[in-house]
N, C-alpha and C. Protein backbone atom coordinates (compact mmCIF):
# COMPACT_ATOMS: atom_id res chain seq x y z
N MET A 1 -53.90 -8.63 -14.07
CA MET A 1 -53.40 -7.30 -14.77
C MET A 1 -53.24 -6.24 -13.70
N LYS A 2 -54.00 -6.35 -12.84
CA LYS A 2 -54.10 -5.16 -11.73
C LYS A 2 -52.63 -5.31 -10.99
N TYR A 3 -52.02 -6.52 -10.79
CA TYR A 3 -50.66 -6.60 -10.03
C TYR A 3 -49.66 -6.24 -10.98
N ALA A 4 -49.89 -6.39 -12.54
CA ALA A 4 -48.69 -6.09 -13.39
C ALA A 4 -48.43 -4.57 -13.47
N GLY A 5 -49.61 -3.74 -13.19
CA GLY A 5 -49.50 -2.35 -13.10
C GLY A 5 -48.64 -1.84 -12.06
N TRP A 6 -49.01 -2.51 -10.85
CA TRP A 6 -48.35 -2.14 -9.61
C TRP A 6 -46.74 -2.59 -9.78
N PHE A 7 -46.49 -3.69 -10.54
CA PHE A 7 -45.23 -4.19 -10.59
C PHE A 7 -44.48 -3.32 -11.51
N LEU A 8 -45.11 -2.92 -12.65
CA LEU A 8 -44.37 -1.84 -13.54
C LEU A 8 -44.05 -0.51 -12.89
N VAL A 9 -45.09 0.00 -11.89
CA VAL A 9 -44.75 1.16 -11.01
C VAL A 9 -43.61 0.95 -10.18
N MET A 10 -43.54 -0.07 -9.45
CA MET A 10 -42.38 -0.52 -8.39
C MET A 10 -41.05 -0.43 -9.29
N LEU A 11 -41.04 -1.16 -10.36
CA LEU A 11 -39.92 -1.28 -11.14
C LEU A 11 -39.44 -0.01 -11.57
N PHE A 12 -40.35 0.99 -11.98
CA PHE A 12 -40.05 2.25 -12.36
C PHE A 12 -39.26 3.05 -11.23
N PHE A 13 -39.89 2.96 -10.12
CA PHE A 13 -39.16 3.76 -8.94
C PHE A 13 -37.88 3.04 -8.60
N ILE A 14 -37.71 1.79 -8.64
CA ILE A 14 -36.54 1.18 -8.27
C ILE A 14 -35.41 1.60 -9.16
N SER A 15 -35.71 1.75 -10.65
CA SER A 15 -34.92 2.04 -11.57
C SER A 15 -34.38 3.58 -11.54
N CYS A 16 -35.12 4.32 -10.82
CA CYS A 16 -34.92 5.76 -10.79
C CYS A 16 -33.96 6.10 -9.60
N THR A 17 -33.68 5.27 -8.75
CA THR A 17 -32.91 5.43 -7.61
C THR A 17 -31.39 5.19 -8.09
N LYS A 18 -30.76 6.01 -7.63
CA LYS A 18 -29.04 5.90 -7.90
C LYS A 18 -28.38 5.00 -6.94
N PRO A 19 -27.60 4.25 -7.67
CA PRO A 19 -26.83 3.19 -6.85
C PRO A 19 -26.04 3.96 -5.73
N VAL A 20 -25.75 3.45 -4.70
CA VAL A 20 -24.90 4.02 -3.36
C VAL A 20 -23.64 3.96 -3.86
N LYS A 21 -22.91 5.12 -3.90
CA LYS A 21 -21.46 5.18 -4.19
C LYS A 21 -20.77 5.56 -2.94
N THR A 22 -19.62 4.75 -2.68
CA THR A 22 -18.95 4.95 -1.63
C THR A 22 -18.07 6.40 -1.56
N ASN A 23 -17.87 6.97 -0.54
CA ASN A 23 -17.39 8.37 -0.34
C ASN A 23 -15.77 7.99 -0.18
N ASN A 24 -15.19 8.11 -1.26
CA ASN A 24 -13.60 7.79 -1.21
C ASN A 24 -12.88 9.02 -0.99
N ASP A 25 -12.60 9.39 0.26
CA ASP A 25 -11.75 10.44 0.56
C ASP A 25 -10.36 10.42 0.30
N ILE A 26 -9.91 9.16 0.18
CA ILE A 26 -8.42 8.97 -0.19
C ILE A 26 -8.09 9.24 -1.52
N THR A 27 -6.93 9.87 -1.82
CA THR A 27 -6.52 10.20 -3.15
C THR A 27 -5.44 9.40 -3.66
N LYS A 28 -4.59 8.74 -2.79
CA LYS A 28 -3.45 7.98 -3.03
C LYS A 28 -3.01 7.16 -1.93
N VAL A 29 -2.40 6.06 -2.14
CA VAL A 29 -1.72 5.20 -1.19
C VAL A 29 -0.70 4.64 -1.53
N GLU A 30 0.55 4.70 -0.69
CA GLU A 30 1.75 4.11 -0.95
C GLU A 30 2.20 3.16 0.02
N LEU A 31 2.74 2.09 -0.23
CA LEU A 31 3.09 0.98 0.68
C LEU A 31 4.59 0.50 0.22
N ALA A 32 5.41 0.35 1.30
CA ALA A 32 6.74 -0.15 0.96
C ALA A 32 6.91 -1.28 2.05
N ARG A 33 7.94 -2.21 1.54
CA ARG A 33 8.24 -3.44 2.31
C ARG A 33 9.78 -3.53 2.40
N SER A 34 10.34 -3.80 3.55
CA SER A 34 11.59 -4.13 3.66
C SER A 34 11.82 -5.05 4.77
N GLY A 35 13.29 -5.50 4.97
CA GLY A 35 13.43 -6.28 6.18
C GLY A 35 13.66 -7.76 5.87
N ALA A 36 13.56 -8.53 6.64
CA ALA A 36 13.67 -10.03 6.44
C ALA A 36 14.94 -10.20 5.49
N TRP A 37 16.05 -10.64 6.03
CA TRP A 37 17.29 -10.64 5.50
C TRP A 37 17.43 -11.10 4.01
N SER A 38 16.67 -11.76 3.51
CA SER A 38 16.66 -12.16 2.01
C SER A 38 15.74 -11.38 1.27
N ASP A 39 15.06 -10.37 1.69
CA ASP A 39 14.09 -9.45 1.07
C ASP A 39 14.79 -8.09 0.86
N TYR A 40 14.82 -7.61 -0.51
CA TYR A 40 15.48 -6.50 -0.86
C TYR A 40 14.36 -5.32 -0.91
N GLY A 41 13.10 -5.46 -0.74
CA GLY A 41 12.18 -4.44 -0.68
C GLY A 41 11.29 -4.41 -1.98
N ALA A 42 10.22 -3.82 -1.66
CA ALA A 42 9.23 -3.62 -2.83
C ALA A 42 8.41 -2.28 -2.34
N ALA A 43 7.68 -1.78 -3.24
CA ALA A 43 6.87 -0.59 -3.20
C ALA A 43 5.71 -0.59 -4.18
N ILE A 44 4.61 -0.09 -3.75
CA ILE A 44 3.39 0.10 -4.61
C ILE A 44 2.81 1.53 -4.21
N SER A 45 2.25 1.96 -5.36
CA SER A 45 1.53 3.15 -5.32
C SER A 45 0.29 3.15 -6.16
N ILE A 46 -0.90 3.48 -5.58
CA ILE A 46 -2.03 3.54 -6.14
C ILE A 46 -2.77 4.72 -6.01
N ASP A 47 -3.39 5.39 -7.02
CA ASP A 47 -3.97 6.61 -6.84
C ASP A 47 -5.39 6.50 -7.25
N SER A 48 -6.17 7.61 -7.28
CA SER A 48 -7.65 7.54 -7.41
C SER A 48 -7.99 7.53 -8.90
N SER A 49 -6.97 7.70 -9.75
CA SER A 49 -7.18 7.53 -11.07
C SER A 49 -7.08 6.16 -11.65
N LEU A 50 -6.85 5.36 -10.67
CA LEU A 50 -6.77 3.87 -10.68
C LEU A 50 -5.45 3.37 -11.46
N SER A 51 -4.45 4.26 -11.33
CA SER A 51 -3.03 3.81 -11.69
C SER A 51 -2.46 3.29 -10.60
N TYR A 52 -1.74 2.05 -11.18
CA TYR A 52 -0.94 1.33 -10.11
C TYR A 52 0.47 1.20 -10.55
N LYS A 53 1.45 1.50 -9.48
CA LYS A 53 2.83 1.37 -9.80
C LYS A 53 3.45 0.42 -9.03
N TYR A 54 4.39 -0.32 -9.41
CA TYR A 54 5.02 -1.13 -8.43
C TYR A 54 6.52 -1.49 -8.81
N CYS A 55 7.33 -1.40 -7.79
CA CYS A 55 8.77 -1.60 -7.82
C CYS A 55 9.15 -2.81 -7.04
N ASP A 56 9.80 -3.71 -7.63
CA ASP A 56 10.40 -4.89 -6.82
C ASP A 56 11.90 -5.06 -6.95
N ASN A 57 12.33 -4.74 -5.88
CA ASN A 57 13.92 -4.75 -5.80
C ASN A 57 14.66 -6.22 -5.86
N ASN A 58 13.78 -7.30 -5.88
CA ASN A 58 14.06 -8.54 -5.85
C ASN A 58 14.44 -9.31 -7.28
N THR A 59 13.96 -8.46 -8.34
CA THR A 59 13.98 -9.01 -9.69
C THR A 59 14.91 -8.03 -10.53
N LYS A 60 15.20 -8.36 -11.61
CA LYS A 60 16.13 -7.69 -12.48
C LYS A 60 15.10 -6.55 -13.10
N GLN A 61 13.93 -7.01 -13.46
CA GLN A 61 12.90 -6.12 -14.08
C GLN A 61 12.32 -5.26 -12.87
N ARG A 62 12.71 -4.00 -12.45
CA ARG A 62 12.33 -3.53 -11.19
C ARG A 62 11.12 -2.75 -11.25
N TYR A 63 10.71 -2.09 -12.46
CA TYR A 63 9.65 -1.06 -12.38
C TYR A 63 8.30 -1.66 -13.12
N PHE A 64 7.23 -1.60 -12.61
CA PHE A 64 5.87 -1.97 -13.32
C PHE A 64 4.88 -1.10 -13.11
N ALA A 65 4.00 -0.94 -14.29
CA ALA A 65 2.89 0.09 -14.23
C ALA A 65 1.60 -0.71 -14.68
N GLY A 66 0.55 -0.18 -14.21
CA GLY A 66 -0.72 -0.73 -14.72
C GLY A 66 -1.89 -0.16 -14.18
N THR A 67 -3.08 -0.84 -14.18
CA THR A 67 -4.28 -0.25 -13.76
C THR A 67 -5.11 -1.10 -12.87
N ILE A 68 -5.98 -0.62 -12.02
CA ILE A 68 -6.88 -1.42 -11.26
C ILE A 68 -8.21 -1.08 -11.65
N ASP A 69 -9.17 -1.91 -10.97
CA ASP A 69 -10.72 -1.47 -11.43
C ASP A 69 -11.10 -0.67 -10.37
N ASP A 70 -12.44 -0.21 -10.47
CA ASP A 70 -13.09 0.67 -9.40
C ASP A 70 -13.41 -0.11 -8.22
N LYS A 71 -13.74 -1.48 -8.34
CA LYS A 71 -14.09 -2.26 -7.25
C LYS A 71 -12.94 -2.45 -6.23
N PHE A 72 -11.75 -2.59 -6.84
CA PHE A 72 -10.50 -2.67 -5.93
C PHE A 72 -10.43 -1.51 -5.36
N TRP A 73 -10.44 -0.26 -5.86
CA TRP A 73 -10.25 0.97 -5.40
C TRP A 73 -11.31 1.19 -4.08
N ASP A 74 -12.55 0.79 -4.39
CA ASP A 74 -13.51 1.11 -3.38
C ASP A 74 -13.38 -0.11 -2.16
N THR A 75 -12.75 -1.22 -2.57
CA THR A 75 -12.35 -2.17 -1.41
C THR A 75 -11.25 -1.61 -0.50
N LEU A 76 -10.20 -1.07 -1.23
CA LEU A 76 -9.17 -0.54 -0.56
C LEU A 76 -9.55 0.70 0.37
N ASN A 77 -10.42 1.56 0.03
CA ASN A 77 -11.01 2.66 0.75
C ASN A 77 -11.71 2.06 2.02
N ARG A 78 -12.60 1.06 1.76
CA ARG A 78 -13.33 0.56 2.82
C ARG A 78 -12.44 0.02 3.80
N LYS A 79 -11.38 -0.77 3.32
CA LYS A 79 -10.47 -1.53 4.31
C LYS A 79 -9.67 -0.45 5.15
N LEU A 80 -9.32 0.69 4.58
CA LEU A 80 -8.63 1.73 5.19
C LEU A 80 -9.37 2.48 6.22
N GLU A 81 -10.66 2.76 5.77
CA GLU A 81 -11.62 3.47 6.62
C GLU A 81 -11.93 2.37 7.96
N GLY A 82 -12.07 1.11 7.62
CA GLY A 82 -12.29 0.24 8.81
C GLY A 82 -11.26 0.30 9.84
N ILE A 83 -10.01 0.47 9.41
CA ILE A 83 -9.02 0.45 10.56
C ILE A 83 -8.67 2.01 11.01
N LYS A 84 -9.59 2.71 10.60
CA LYS A 84 -9.58 4.26 11.13
C LYS A 84 -8.22 4.84 11.09
N PHE A 85 -7.73 4.99 9.65
CA PHE A 85 -6.41 5.19 9.41
C PHE A 85 -6.02 6.75 9.94
N LYS A 86 -7.05 7.72 10.19
CA LYS A 86 -6.65 8.94 10.49
C LYS A 86 -6.43 9.04 11.87
N SER A 87 -6.75 8.06 12.68
CA SER A 87 -6.63 8.21 14.21
C SER A 87 -5.80 7.07 14.65
N LEU A 88 -5.23 6.14 13.78
CA LEU A 88 -4.39 5.16 14.13
C LEU A 88 -2.91 5.61 14.65
N PRO A 89 -2.33 4.86 15.47
CA PRO A 89 -0.92 5.30 16.06
C PRO A 89 -0.13 5.01 14.71
N VAL A 90 0.93 5.97 14.58
CA VAL A 90 1.75 5.95 13.52
C VAL A 90 2.70 4.76 13.47
N THR A 91 3.07 4.24 14.59
CA THR A 91 3.98 3.20 14.82
C THR A 91 3.70 2.23 15.89
N ASP A 92 4.15 0.99 15.71
CA ASP A 92 3.86 -0.11 16.70
C ASP A 92 5.23 -0.06 17.68
N ASN A 93 6.31 0.73 17.46
CA ASN A 93 7.46 0.80 18.31
C ASN A 93 8.18 -0.53 18.62
N LYS A 94 8.02 -1.41 17.48
CA LYS A 94 8.79 -2.73 17.58
C LYS A 94 10.04 -2.53 16.85
N LEU A 95 11.11 -3.25 17.32
CA LEU A 95 12.34 -3.40 16.64
C LEU A 95 12.78 -4.82 16.70
N ILE A 96 12.52 -5.59 15.56
CA ILE A 96 12.91 -6.88 15.37
C ILE A 96 13.83 -7.16 14.30
N GLU A 97 14.92 -7.76 14.62
CA GLU A 97 16.02 -7.90 13.44
C GLU A 97 15.67 -8.34 12.26
N ASP A 98 15.11 -9.69 11.99
CA ASP A 98 14.77 -10.34 10.92
C ASP A 98 13.23 -10.54 10.72
N ALA A 99 12.63 -9.30 10.44
CA ALA A 99 11.03 -9.32 10.26
C ALA A 99 10.89 -8.43 8.93
N GLU A 100 9.73 -8.28 8.61
CA GLU A 100 9.33 -7.49 7.49
C GLU A 100 8.79 -6.24 8.23
N TYR A 101 9.28 -5.14 7.58
CA TYR A 101 8.96 -3.78 8.10
C TYR A 101 7.95 -3.28 6.95
N TYR A 102 7.12 -2.41 7.44
CA TYR A 102 6.12 -1.80 6.42
C TYR A 102 5.86 -0.47 6.56
N GLU A 103 5.90 0.39 5.57
CA GLU A 103 5.54 1.72 5.70
C GLU A 103 4.45 1.98 4.77
N LEU A 104 3.37 2.51 5.21
CA LEU A 104 1.98 2.97 4.38
C LEU A 104 1.99 4.49 4.61
N ILE A 105 1.69 4.95 3.43
CA ILE A 105 1.30 6.49 3.25
C ILE A 105 0.05 6.54 2.76
N ILE A 106 -0.94 7.26 3.34
CA ILE A 106 -2.32 7.42 2.93
C ILE A 106 -2.52 8.89 2.74
N TYR A 107 -2.84 9.35 1.55
CA TYR A 107 -3.04 10.82 1.15
C TYR A 107 -4.64 10.81 0.96
N TRP A 108 -5.11 11.98 1.61
CA TRP A 108 -6.34 12.32 1.26
C TRP A 108 -6.58 13.72 1.04
N LYS A 109 -7.65 14.36 0.82
CA LYS A 109 -7.76 15.81 0.29
C LYS A 109 -7.21 16.65 1.32
N ASN A 110 -7.15 16.63 2.51
CA ASN A 110 -6.58 17.56 3.33
C ASN A 110 -5.43 17.26 4.17
N GLY A 111 -4.70 16.25 3.64
CA GLY A 111 -3.50 15.56 4.48
C GLY A 111 -3.11 14.40 3.98
N LYS A 112 -2.19 13.93 4.86
CA LYS A 112 -1.44 12.47 4.69
C LYS A 112 -1.19 11.89 6.04
N ARG A 113 -1.01 10.62 6.12
CA ARG A 113 -0.42 10.01 7.33
C ARG A 113 0.35 8.95 6.92
N ARG A 114 1.55 8.74 7.68
CA ARG A 114 2.59 7.80 7.40
C ARG A 114 2.46 6.67 8.64
N ILE A 115 2.22 5.45 8.36
CA ILE A 115 2.17 4.52 9.34
C ILE A 115 3.17 3.40 9.11
N LYS A 116 3.84 3.08 10.24
CA LYS A 116 4.86 2.06 10.13
C LYS A 116 4.55 0.85 11.05
N ARG A 117 4.72 -0.23 10.53
CA ARG A 117 4.45 -1.61 11.17
C ARG A 117 5.40 -2.64 10.93
N VAL A 118 5.54 -3.44 11.94
CA VAL A 118 6.57 -4.61 11.84
C VAL A 118 5.70 -5.89 11.91
N TRP A 119 5.94 -6.73 10.90
CA TRP A 119 5.14 -8.08 11.13
C TRP A 119 5.84 -8.95 11.95
N ASP A 120 5.37 -9.07 13.09
CA ASP A 120 5.87 -9.93 14.40
C ASP A 120 5.32 -11.23 14.19
N PHE A 121 6.00 -12.11 13.66
CA PHE A 121 5.48 -13.48 13.50
C PHE A 121 5.03 -14.15 14.73
N PRO A 122 3.98 -14.78 15.18
CA PRO A 122 2.97 -15.08 14.28
C PRO A 122 1.83 -14.06 14.57
N GLN A 123 2.05 -12.96 15.35
CA GLN A 123 1.17 -12.11 15.68
C GLN A 123 0.60 -11.25 14.57
N GLN A 124 -0.55 -10.81 14.51
CA GLN A 124 -1.12 -9.92 13.36
C GLN A 124 -2.43 -9.26 13.92
N ASP A 125 -2.63 -8.11 13.51
CA ASP A 125 -3.76 -7.28 13.78
C ASP A 125 -4.50 -6.83 12.74
N SER A 126 -5.65 -6.07 12.87
CA SER A 126 -6.29 -5.64 11.70
C SER A 126 -5.51 -4.72 10.80
N VAL A 127 -4.64 -3.86 11.27
CA VAL A 127 -3.71 -3.06 10.44
C VAL A 127 -2.83 -3.82 9.58
N LEU A 128 -2.20 -4.80 10.20
CA LEU A 128 -1.24 -5.67 9.43
C LEU A 128 -2.12 -6.58 8.50
N ASN A 129 -3.25 -6.89 8.85
CA ASN A 129 -4.23 -7.60 7.73
C ASN A 129 -4.31 -6.81 6.46
N VAL A 130 -4.69 -5.53 6.56
CA VAL A 130 -4.78 -4.68 5.48
C VAL A 130 -3.58 -4.30 4.77
N ILE A 131 -2.48 -4.27 5.52
CA ILE A 131 -1.21 -4.12 4.74
C ILE A 131 -0.72 -5.26 4.03
N LYS A 132 -0.80 -6.52 4.58
CA LYS A 132 -0.48 -7.70 3.90
C LYS A 132 -1.34 -8.07 2.68
N TRP A 133 -2.65 -7.54 2.94
CA TRP A 133 -3.58 -7.68 1.70
C TRP A 133 -3.16 -6.61 0.74
N LEU A 134 -2.73 -5.51 0.91
CA LEU A 134 -2.23 -4.48 -0.02
C LEU A 134 -1.01 -5.02 -0.60
N ASN A 135 0.07 -5.52 0.13
CA ASN A 135 1.11 -6.04 -0.22
C ASN A 135 1.10 -6.98 -1.26
N ASP A 136 -0.01 -7.85 -1.35
CA ASP A 136 -0.19 -8.89 -2.35
C ASP A 136 -0.93 -8.48 -3.37
N SER A 137 -1.30 -7.34 -3.55
CA SER A 137 -2.36 -6.81 -4.58
C SER A 137 -1.74 -6.74 -5.89
N TYR A 138 -0.45 -6.60 -5.99
CA TYR A 138 0.38 -6.54 -7.33
C TYR A 138 -0.05 -7.80 -8.04
N LYS A 139 -0.32 -8.93 -7.39
CA LYS A 139 -0.55 -10.19 -8.09
C LYS A 139 -1.89 -10.12 -8.88
N LYS A 140 -2.68 -9.26 -8.39
CA LYS A 140 -4.06 -9.13 -9.13
C LYS A 140 -4.16 -7.94 -10.12
N ALA A 141 -3.27 -7.13 -10.06
CA ALA A 141 -3.22 -5.97 -11.03
C ALA A 141 -2.73 -6.23 -12.21
N LYS A 142 -3.20 -5.55 -13.38
CA LYS A 142 -2.65 -5.63 -14.76
C LYS A 142 -1.51 -4.96 -14.88
N LEU A 143 -0.31 -5.54 -14.95
CA LEU A 143 0.87 -4.80 -14.89
C LEU A 143 1.74 -5.05 -15.92
N HIS A 144 2.64 -4.11 -16.44
CA HIS A 144 3.54 -4.33 -17.53
C HIS A 144 4.86 -3.56 -17.15
N HIS A 145 5.88 -4.16 -17.66
CA HIS A 145 7.24 -3.77 -17.30
C HIS A 145 7.44 -2.49 -17.91
N VAL A 146 8.02 -1.54 -17.15
CA VAL A 146 8.43 -0.17 -17.81
C VAL A 146 9.91 0.14 -17.70
N ASN A 147 10.48 0.85 -18.44
CA ASN A 147 11.86 0.91 -18.56
C ASN A 147 12.45 2.42 -17.95
N TYR A 148 11.48 3.11 -17.28
CA TYR A 148 11.82 4.32 -16.63
C TYR A 148 11.65 4.01 -15.03
N PRO A 149 12.41 4.85 -14.31
CA PRO A 149 12.26 4.72 -12.83
C PRO A 149 10.92 5.29 -12.37
N ILE A 150 10.46 4.93 -11.37
CA ILE A 150 9.26 5.21 -10.53
C ILE A 150 9.61 5.87 -9.20
N LYS A 151 9.13 7.10 -9.19
CA LYS A 151 9.45 7.63 -7.67
C LYS A 151 8.27 7.52 -6.60
N PHE A 152 8.73 7.00 -5.48
CA PHE A 152 7.86 6.66 -4.38
C PHE A 152 8.41 7.70 -3.17
N GLU A 153 7.41 8.10 -2.44
CA GLU A 153 7.76 8.81 -1.23
C GLU A 153 8.31 7.97 -0.19
N THR A 154 7.84 6.62 -0.04
CA THR A 154 8.08 5.90 0.90
C THR A 154 9.79 5.60 0.90
N THR A 155 10.30 5.04 1.87
CA THR A 155 11.62 4.80 1.87
C THR A 155 12.12 3.40 2.14
N TYR A 156 11.15 2.66 2.82
CA TYR A 156 11.42 1.25 3.17
C TYR A 156 11.94 0.30 2.04
N GLN A 157 11.58 0.59 0.93
CA GLN A 157 11.87 -0.27 -0.20
C GLN A 157 13.37 -0.05 -0.72
N ASN A 158 13.90 0.97 -0.28
CA ASN A 158 15.55 1.15 -0.63
C ASN A 158 16.30 0.59 0.25
N ARG A 159 17.32 -0.15 -0.11
CA ARG A 159 18.27 -0.65 0.67
C ARG A 159 19.30 0.33 1.11
N PRO A 160 19.81 0.22 2.35
CA PRO A 160 20.84 1.33 2.85
C PRO A 160 22.02 1.13 1.93
N ILE A 161 22.69 2.37 1.60
CA ILE A 161 23.82 2.33 0.85
C ILE A 161 24.95 1.73 1.53
N GLN A 162 25.57 0.74 0.85
CA GLN A 162 26.62 0.00 1.63
C GLN A 162 28.02 0.71 1.25
N PRO A 163 28.78 0.88 2.24
CA PRO A 163 30.04 1.52 1.91
C PRO A 163 31.08 0.51 1.19
N LYS A 164 31.84 0.99 0.47
CA LYS A 164 32.78 0.23 -0.22
C LYS A 164 34.02 -0.10 0.75
N ILE A 165 34.43 -1.39 0.61
CA ILE A 165 35.46 -1.88 1.77
C ILE A 165 36.71 -0.78 1.62
N ASP A 166 37.11 -0.32 0.50
CA ASP A 166 38.28 0.31 0.51
C ASP A 166 38.01 1.92 1.17
N GLN A 167 36.73 2.04 1.49
CA GLN A 167 36.51 3.44 2.02
C GLN A 167 36.16 3.52 3.50
N ILE A 168 36.39 2.45 4.06
CA ILE A 168 36.17 2.18 5.55
C ILE A 168 37.59 2.67 6.22
N GLU A 169 37.44 3.48 7.15
CA GLU A 169 38.66 3.87 7.96
C GLU A 169 38.46 3.64 9.37
N PHE A 170 39.49 3.20 9.96
CA PHE A 170 39.39 2.75 11.49
C PHE A 170 40.32 3.98 12.15
N PRO A 171 39.87 4.47 13.30
CA PRO A 171 40.84 5.42 13.88
C PRO A 171 41.97 4.58 14.44
N PRO A 172 43.10 5.45 14.65
CA PRO A 172 44.38 4.92 15.16
C PRO A 172 44.02 4.58 16.66
N PRO A 173 44.87 3.48 17.27
CA PRO A 173 44.69 3.08 18.61
C PRO A 173 45.12 4.28 19.74
N ILE A 174 44.35 4.36 20.73
CA ILE A 174 44.68 5.42 21.73
C ILE A 174 45.75 4.96 22.52
N LYS A 175 46.73 6.00 22.66
CA LYS A 175 47.95 5.73 23.57
C LYS A 175 47.68 6.06 24.78
N GLN A 176 47.96 5.41 25.86
CA GLN A 176 47.85 5.73 27.12
C GLN A 176 49.11 6.09 27.87
């Protein structure tokens, strides 16, 4: 009986402590992908209200919206804090013709940072690991098709405007 009293007192103190909550300084994250000749691009937007938006230019149904859970948002924040996104170089200065290009914009309370990376096969670093994980996150989100366009600040998901053939003009030859 003596131990049961101590056990109840300990159980009471443990139940009074608040669970540790992560300090999520990030308010919104946007990621866009393009490149690789057969890829028309995609974009993801996730904000602290757990809203998830997705644009896929490879399908006829382009825009999707849905939600994520708190656990996913906390994991995303931990991964971005782990790569030290505020002090990370903004670009890797690579130019590869047939590769996937990524543009990541991270918003927090007092600013934002735009990070650009190229996935150089087979090399990969911690930044690209986080970007690739985030790029595949649409598979785990609860999404539904929407009939309205979604605006993204990222630009990599947009294909460059192709000129019409009849609008191309060539200068006349130079006479010498």
